Amino acid sequence: MRIAYGVQTTGNGHAARSRIVIRELKRRGHEVLTVLSGAKPWRMADDEDFQPCVVRNGMYFVATPGKLSTRRSIANFEPRRFLDELRELDLGKAELVITDYESLTAWAARRRGIPSIGLANQYSALEFSRVPRGLGSPLRNQVMRLSAPVDLPLGLHWHHFNLPLLPPICPRQEVVEGDPDCVLVYMPWEARDNVRRMLLPFAERTFLIYGCASVDEDEGHLKWRGFSKEGFNRDLRRCAGVICNASFETPSQALMLGRKLLVRPLQGQPEQEANASSLQQLGYARVMRKLEAEAVAAWLPLSSPLPMPWPNVASHFCDWLEGDPTQAPDDLAERCWAELQAERDRLLLSDHPFEKREEAPHSAQSHQS
């Protein structure tokens, strides 16, 4: 097939999982045109996995330290520019649009009558009332719903809630035991000074901090790190715990490797508020509403959970796409979750060094009734 694939470039999570799906589509012989839009889309334009690509501004939210800025987000959105980009967007002879919550491809598909699929975690809370929604305002939730509308939304989530949701799409990695004195911190939406104040009291730990610095800089036990995919993945494997904003991709990778989690949702951002609610209710993470040393002190002694070996969702998705995608995705979801359960059962019976405890599915039962 000829596919146009929209990737939202605000943050790194959309690009990380889209890269996996696009690679699988190309491996199978499909022609993929990538449309990059959002915050700083040009920084990903040279990525070989996204070639050929189109780079546009599109639509995206703007954050100030610790919270979503409604005023700056509204000021950043220029309807005339967006409509011009929408009219000028050339999708070639695309037969299908897949969007990871990217607005231009979603609206282009709707205007031109091209079938569209949304493959992103944002579609889970927007489409199903049983998924925790957090504290987002009705207006912000409605804006989220209208940002990237599609014919078929396929939501990604950490639990299925007896719904046709898919597990996270993550790069598959071998699970190794982390250093209990090492913590990875990824807080691109926070002010550096606030992160420093929170972590300074814990000199007995090493904190590898991404998202708050442009270059590497060591400050005692605080190791500030500039952007590096390789460095981030290496340090994620090295650590035993992760402190991050309540995004989707970083917690997904941490859960896959069996890393304990402490998350702080970006205030006023519906997706992160919903993610924080889900992680807390599932028992997958501790949640702090503000950056505070007390929350870190209570979290540090916790042990590591059993890893969540997410299945190869990209491969299952492509199998379904090449079959009969007009069918409801229930079978696709069931295959993915059954594979996950089989892998977790295998870990429970193995001599794995991680603590063998089942903290999640039981606490999720209240959302299934």
Foldseek 3Di string as FASTA:
>chain_A
DEEEEEFEPDDCQRVQLVLLLLVVCVVVPYHYEYEYEYPPRVVCCPPPSRPPYHYDHAADWDAAAQATDPVVSVVPDDPVRNVVCLVPDDSDPHQEYEYQLTQSSQVNCVVVVHAYEYEYQLCPVLPDVLQFFFDADPVLSVCSCNRRDHPHYAHEDCDQLPHNHAHDRHDADDADAADLQEEEEEELRHEPVLLCVQPVVCLSHAYEYENHDQDWDDDRSDTYHHDDPVVNVVSLNHHQAYEYAQDPRVLSVNQQNQHAYEYEHRHNNRRSRSSQVQCVLQVRYHYDPGRHNVSVVVRSVDFTEQHQNFDNLSVLVVVCVVPDVVDDSNVSRVVRVVVRVVVLVVVLPDPDPGDYDRRGPVSSNVSND
